[in-house]
N, C-alpha and C. Protein backbone atom coordinates (compact mmCIF):
# COMPACT_ATOMS: atom_id res chain seq x y z
N MET A 1 148.69 99.96 76.47
CA MET A 1 148.56 100.11 75.23
C MET A 1 148.49 98.72 74.46
N GLU A 2 148.16 98.37 73.74
CA GLU A 2 147.51 97.29 72.96
C GLU A 2 148.67 96.45 72.15
N LYS A 3 148.81 95.12 72.64
CA LYS A 3 150.48 94.44 72.13
C LYS A 3 149.83 94.63 70.23
N HIS A 4 150.35 94.77 69.60
CA HIS A 4 150.68 94.51 68.24
C HIS A 4 150.38 93.11 67.91
N LEU A 5 149.94 92.31 66.93
CA LEU A 5 149.75 91.10 66.54
C LEU A 5 150.99 91.19 65.66
N GLU A 6 151.24 90.01 65.58
CA GLU A 6 153.03 89.39 64.52
C GLU A 6 152.24 88.44 63.69
N THR A 7 153.39 88.20 62.48
CA THR A 7 153.21 87.23 61.46
C THR A 7 152.77 85.64 61.93
N THR A 8 152.74 85.66 63.06
CA THR A 8 153.03 84.41 63.81
C THR A 8 151.37 84.20 64.44
N ASP A 9 150.68 85.32 64.05
CA ASP A 9 149.38 85.44 64.81
C ASP A 9 148.36 84.92 63.65
N LEU A 10 148.80 84.87 62.39
CA LEU A 10 147.90 84.90 60.76
C LEU A 10 146.66 83.97 61.32
N LYS A 11 147.30 82.65 61.87
CA LYS A 11 146.56 81.26 61.47
C LYS A 11 145.12 81.89 62.81
N GLN A 12 145.69 82.41 63.97
CA GLN A 12 144.47 83.00 64.68
C GLN A 12 143.48 84.26 64.29
N VAL A 13 144.23 84.96 63.70
CA VAL A 13 143.48 85.90 62.78
C VAL A 13 142.30 85.20 61.97
N VAL A 14 142.94 84.36 60.62
CA VAL A 14 141.78 83.89 59.68
C VAL A 14 141.04 82.91 60.48
N SER A 15 141.29 82.21 61.39
CA SER A 15 140.29 81.47 62.49
C SER A 15 139.18 82.37 63.04
N SER A 16 139.42 83.51 63.88
CA SER A 16 138.76 84.60 64.45
C SER A 16 137.46 84.43 62.98
N LEU A 17 138.11 85.24 62.31
CA LEU A 17 137.14 85.67 60.97
C LEU A 17 136.19 84.65 60.66
N LYS A 18 136.92 83.84 60.51
CA LYS A 18 135.86 82.03 59.77
C LYS A 18 134.80 81.80 60.81
N SER A 19 135.54 81.87 61.91
CA SER A 19 134.46 81.13 62.77
C SER A 19 133.27 82.44 63.34
N ASN A 20 133.43 83.36 63.15
CA ASN A 20 132.64 84.56 63.17
C ASN A 20 131.82 85.36 61.75
N ASN A 21 132.03 84.14 61.01
CA ASN A 21 131.03 84.24 59.77
C ASN A 21 131.71 85.67 58.70
N TYR A 22 132.66 86.04 58.75
CA TYR A 22 132.98 86.84 57.84
C TYR A 22 132.80 86.28 56.38
N ASP A 23 132.42 87.50 55.72
CA ASP A 23 132.45 87.29 54.08
C ASP A 23 133.58 87.90 53.32
N ALA A 24 134.46 86.66 53.43
CA ALA A 24 135.73 86.66 52.65
C ALA A 24 135.45 87.70 51.48
N SER A 25 134.53 87.83 50.50
CA SER A 25 134.51 88.73 49.27
C SER A 25 134.53 89.82 49.82
N THR A 26 134.45 90.28 50.81
CA THR A 26 134.70 91.52 51.16
C THR A 26 136.30 91.94 51.28
N TRP A 27 137.23 90.93 51.18
CA TRP A 27 138.59 91.40 51.49
C TRP A 27 139.10 92.38 51.21
N HIS A 28 139.40 93.25 50.11
CA HIS A 28 139.89 94.28 49.05
C HIS A 28 139.21 95.22 50.27
N ARG A 29 138.07 95.54 50.72
CA ARG A 29 137.36 96.64 51.24
C ARG A 29 137.96 96.58 52.63
N LEU A 30 138.10 95.24 53.17
CA LEU A 30 138.85 95.47 54.44
C LEU A 30 140.32 95.93 54.56
N CYS A 31 140.85 95.25 53.66
CA CYS A 31 142.48 95.38 53.48
C CYS A 31 142.81 97.11 53.08
N LEU A 32 141.86 97.51 52.17
CA LEU A 32 142.28 99.03 52.28
C LEU A 32 141.73 99.46 53.30
N ARG A 33 140.66 99.44 54.49
CA ARG A 33 140.46 99.85 55.49
C ARG A 33 141.22 99.65 56.96
N LEU A 34 142.30 98.70 56.65
CA LEU A 34 143.40 98.34 57.54
C LEU A 34 144.69 99.17 57.14
N GLY A 35 144.68 99.91 55.99
CA GLY A 35 145.88 100.58 55.81
C GLY A 35 146.78 100.14 54.64
N LEU A 36 146.50 98.91 53.85
CA LEU A 36 146.89 98.55 52.77
C LEU A 36 146.49 99.44 51.55
N LEU A 37 147.83 99.45 50.81
CA LEU A 37 147.52 100.28 49.51
C LEU A 37 146.81 99.52 48.13
N GLU A 38 146.34 100.47 47.58
CA GLU A 38 145.63 99.53 46.00
C GLU A 38 146.58 98.78 45.21
N GLU A 39 147.98 99.34 45.35
CA GLU A 39 148.63 98.84 44.38
C GLU A 39 149.05 97.15 44.98
N THR A 40 149.35 97.32 46.43
CA THR A 40 149.51 96.47 47.32
C THR A 40 148.27 95.21 46.97
N LEU A 41 147.40 95.43 47.03
CA LEU A 41 146.04 94.33 46.84
C LEU A 41 145.93 93.96 45.44
N ASN A 42 145.88 95.11 44.18
CA ASN A 42 146.15 94.49 43.05
C ASN A 42 146.88 93.33 42.94
N THR A 43 148.36 93.44 43.55
CA THR A 43 149.27 92.46 43.66
C THR A 43 148.87 91.24 44.12
N ILE A 44 148.37 91.28 45.12
CA ILE A 44 147.33 90.09 45.69
C ILE A 44 146.72 89.82 44.77
N LYS A 45 146.06 90.34 44.11
CA LYS A 45 144.52 89.57 43.58
C LYS A 45 145.52 88.92 42.23
N ALA A 46 146.46 89.87 41.81
CA ALA A 46 146.77 89.09 40.65
C ALA A 46 147.63 87.72 41.10
N ASP A 47 148.11 87.84 41.93
CA ASP A 47 149.32 86.67 42.58
C ASP A 47 148.18 85.22 43.17
N GLU A 48 146.82 85.63 43.77
CA GLU A 48 146.25 84.39 44.29
C GLU A 48 144.67 84.46 43.61
N ASP A 49 144.59 83.35 43.40
CA ASP A 49 143.39 82.83 42.59
C ASP A 49 141.82 82.90 43.19
N ASN A 50 141.72 82.60 44.70
CA ASN A 50 140.28 83.18 45.13
C ASN A 50 140.17 83.87 46.50
N VAL A 51 139.13 84.02 46.67
CA VAL A 51 139.08 85.12 47.97
C VAL A 51 139.64 84.42 48.87
N ASN A 52 139.49 83.32 49.52
CA ASN A 52 140.30 83.27 50.66
C ASN A 52 141.83 83.16 50.75
N ASP A 53 142.52 83.01 49.84
CA ASP A 53 143.52 82.66 49.58
C ASP A 53 144.27 84.53 49.40
N ARG A 54 143.49 85.10 48.95
CA ARG A 54 143.47 86.74 48.77
C ARG A 54 143.60 87.23 50.29
N LEU A 55 142.38 87.10 50.61
CA LEU A 55 142.30 87.25 52.38
C LEU A 55 143.87 86.87 53.60
N ARG A 56 144.25 85.86 53.20
CA ARG A 56 144.93 85.42 53.90
C ARG A 56 146.20 86.23 53.41
N THR A 57 146.70 86.34 52.13
CA THR A 57 147.91 86.97 51.84
C THR A 57 147.81 88.41 52.31
N CYS A 58 146.37 88.94 52.22
CA CYS A 58 145.88 90.60 52.51
C CYS A 58 146.31 90.56 54.12
N LEU A 59 145.78 89.83 55.26
CA LEU A 59 146.40 89.51 56.35
C LEU A 59 147.50 89.38 56.82
N HIS A 60 148.11 88.68 56.03
CA HIS A 60 149.91 88.28 56.08
C HIS A 60 150.53 89.63 56.20
N THR A 61 150.33 90.35 54.92
CA THR A 61 150.73 91.50 54.87
C THR A 61 150.50 92.89 55.37
N TRP A 62 149.13 92.68 56.27
CA TRP A 62 148.74 93.81 57.07
C TRP A 62 149.43 93.52 58.75
N LEU A 63 149.58 91.96 58.77
CA LEU A 63 150.81 91.60 60.00
C LEU A 63 152.10 92.38 59.73
N GLN A 64 152.59 92.23 58.48
CA GLN A 64 153.91 92.84 58.20
C GLN A 64 153.65 94.07 58.53
N ARG A 65 152.87 94.75 58.81
CA ARG A 65 152.71 96.12 58.82
C ARG A 65 153.25 97.17 57.78
N ALA A 66 152.64 96.68 56.60
CA ALA A 66 153.07 97.17 55.12
C ALA A 66 152.53 98.70 54.92
N ASP A 67 152.76 99.32 54.05
CA ASP A 67 152.10 100.48 53.58
C ASP A 67 151.50 101.54 54.69
N LYS A 68 150.76 101.91 54.84
CA LYS A 68 150.12 102.74 55.72
C LYS A 68 149.19 102.16 56.93
N VAL A 69 149.69 101.01 57.40
CA VAL A 69 149.14 100.06 58.26
C VAL A 69 149.10 100.63 59.75
N ASP A 70 150.35 100.67 60.13
CA ASP A 70 150.27 102.00 61.32
C ASP A 70 149.53 103.44 61.55
N ASP A 71 149.59 103.78 60.09
CA ASP A 71 148.51 104.89 60.23
C ASP A 71 147.22 104.76 60.59
N LYS A 72 146.51 103.54 60.73
CA LYS A 72 145.23 102.84 60.84
C LYS A 72 145.16 102.10 62.17
N GLY A 73 146.13 102.78 63.21
CA GLY A 73 146.02 101.82 63.98
C GLY A 73 147.39 100.40 64.23
N GLY A 74 147.93 100.27 63.22
CA GLY A 74 148.88 98.97 63.48
C GLY A 74 148.13 97.71 63.26
N ALA A 75 149.14 96.68 63.23
CA ALA A 75 148.00 95.21 63.10
C ALA A 75 147.43 94.77 64.35
N ALA A 76 146.82 95.22 65.06
CA ALA A 76 146.13 94.83 66.48
C ALA A 76 144.84 94.34 65.98
N TRP A 77 144.04 94.01 67.10
CA TRP A 77 142.43 93.14 67.05
C TRP A 77 141.43 94.17 66.81
N THR A 78 141.96 95.43 67.72
CA THR A 78 141.02 96.68 67.63
C THR A 78 140.97 97.34 66.03
N SER A 79 141.86 97.43 65.68
CA SER A 79 142.28 97.81 64.01
C SER A 79 141.30 96.80 62.90
N LEU A 80 141.36 95.48 63.39
CA LEU A 80 140.76 94.59 62.39
C LEU A 80 139.36 94.92 62.86
N GLU A 81 138.87 95.22 64.02
CA GLU A 81 137.37 95.39 64.52
C GLU A 81 136.83 96.71 64.19
N LYS A 82 138.06 97.17 64.20
CA LYS A 82 137.16 99.22 63.61
C LYS A 82 136.74 99.15 61.75
N ALA A 83 137.94 98.33 61.25
CA ALA A 83 138.09 98.11 59.73
C ALA A 83 136.70 97.09 59.33
N LEU A 84 136.54 95.96 60.06
CA LEU A 84 135.14 95.41 59.78
C LEU A 84 133.98 96.22 60.02
N LYS A 85 133.78 97.01 60.94
CA LYS A 85 132.95 97.95 61.06
C LYS A 85 132.32 99.07 60.14
N ASP A 86 133.74 99.16 59.84
CA ASP A 86 133.86 100.85 58.80
C ASP A 86 133.28 99.85 57.12
N ILE A 87 133.48 98.38 57.10
CA ILE A 87 132.68 98.02 55.67
C ILE A 87 131.69 97.14 56.13
N ASP A 88 131.03 97.74 57.00
CA ASP A 88 129.61 97.08 57.33
C ASP A 88 129.41 95.36 58.02
N GLN A 89 130.30 94.98 58.24
CA GLN A 89 130.71 93.61 58.74
C GLN A 89 130.58 94.04 60.46
N LYS A 90 129.78 94.91 60.86
CA LYS A 90 129.43 94.76 62.41
C LYS A 90 129.12 94.06 63.22
N ALA A 91 128.57 92.92 62.89
CA ALA A 91 128.33 91.75 63.63
C ALA A 91 129.24 90.64 63.73
N VAL A 92 130.28 90.92 62.80
CA VAL A 92 131.33 90.11 62.69
C VAL A 92 132.56 90.57 64.16
N ALA A 93 132.74 91.87 63.62
CA ALA A 93 133.47 92.65 64.62
C ALA A 93 133.24 92.23 65.98
N GLU A 94 131.40 92.65 66.55
CA GLU A 94 131.15 92.65 67.68
C GLU A 94 131.74 90.96 68.25
N SER A 95 131.07 89.94 67.44
CA SER A 95 131.17 88.77 67.77
C SER A 95 133.17 88.45 68.04
N MET A 96 133.79 88.93 67.16
CA MET A 96 135.53 88.74 67.73
C MET A 96 135.28 89.18 69.00
N ARG A 97 135.16 90.94 68.66
CA ARG A 97 135.57 91.19 70.72
C ARG A 97 135.02 90.75 71.64
N LYS A 98 133.41 90.04 71.51
CA LYS A 98 133.12 88.93 72.26
C LYS A 98 133.89 88.07 72.76
N SER A 99 134.66 87.58 71.44
CA SER A 99 134.94 86.44 71.55
C SER A 99 136.34 86.36 72.68
N ARG A 100 136.77 87.73 71.93
CA ARG A 100 138.23 88.11 72.53
C ARG A 100 137.72 88.29 73.96
N ALA A 101 137.13 89.07 74.32
CA ALA A 101 136.90 89.43 76.02
C ALA A 101 136.35 88.56 76.80
N HIS A 102 135.65 87.35 76.05
CA HIS A 102 135.15 85.82 76.94
C HIS A 102 137.02 85.30 77.22
N SER A 103 137.44 85.21 76.37
CA SER A 103 138.95 84.22 76.05
C SER A 103 139.86 85.24 77.22
N GLU A 104 139.80 86.66 77.53
CA GLU A 104 140.72 87.11 78.27
C GLU A 104 140.18 86.97 79.51
N LEU A 105 139.17 86.36 80.12
CA LEU A 105 138.51 86.45 81.48
C LEU A 105 139.81 85.15 82.56
């Protein structure tokens, strides 16, 4: 079984998304797919001024396994990659998967 990510992995998750050209403007759709609730995302949107801060806060909340995250596979790389594919960020998901596979060699 895949190891769940922790809040201490936030920097690595954000860095991986950024280095694989993730479009941060899709943060809301991504976080819904990761299992966060609309109410949670509305709070994040109200608290954070720009999409990068919103994405970071959303991912931190995901890593805390809030809302229905565990119903969507938990805070894990495979869950993130599936959510990316679901919102038409397939190239980002595939690039992340390949990078992870390469680093595990």
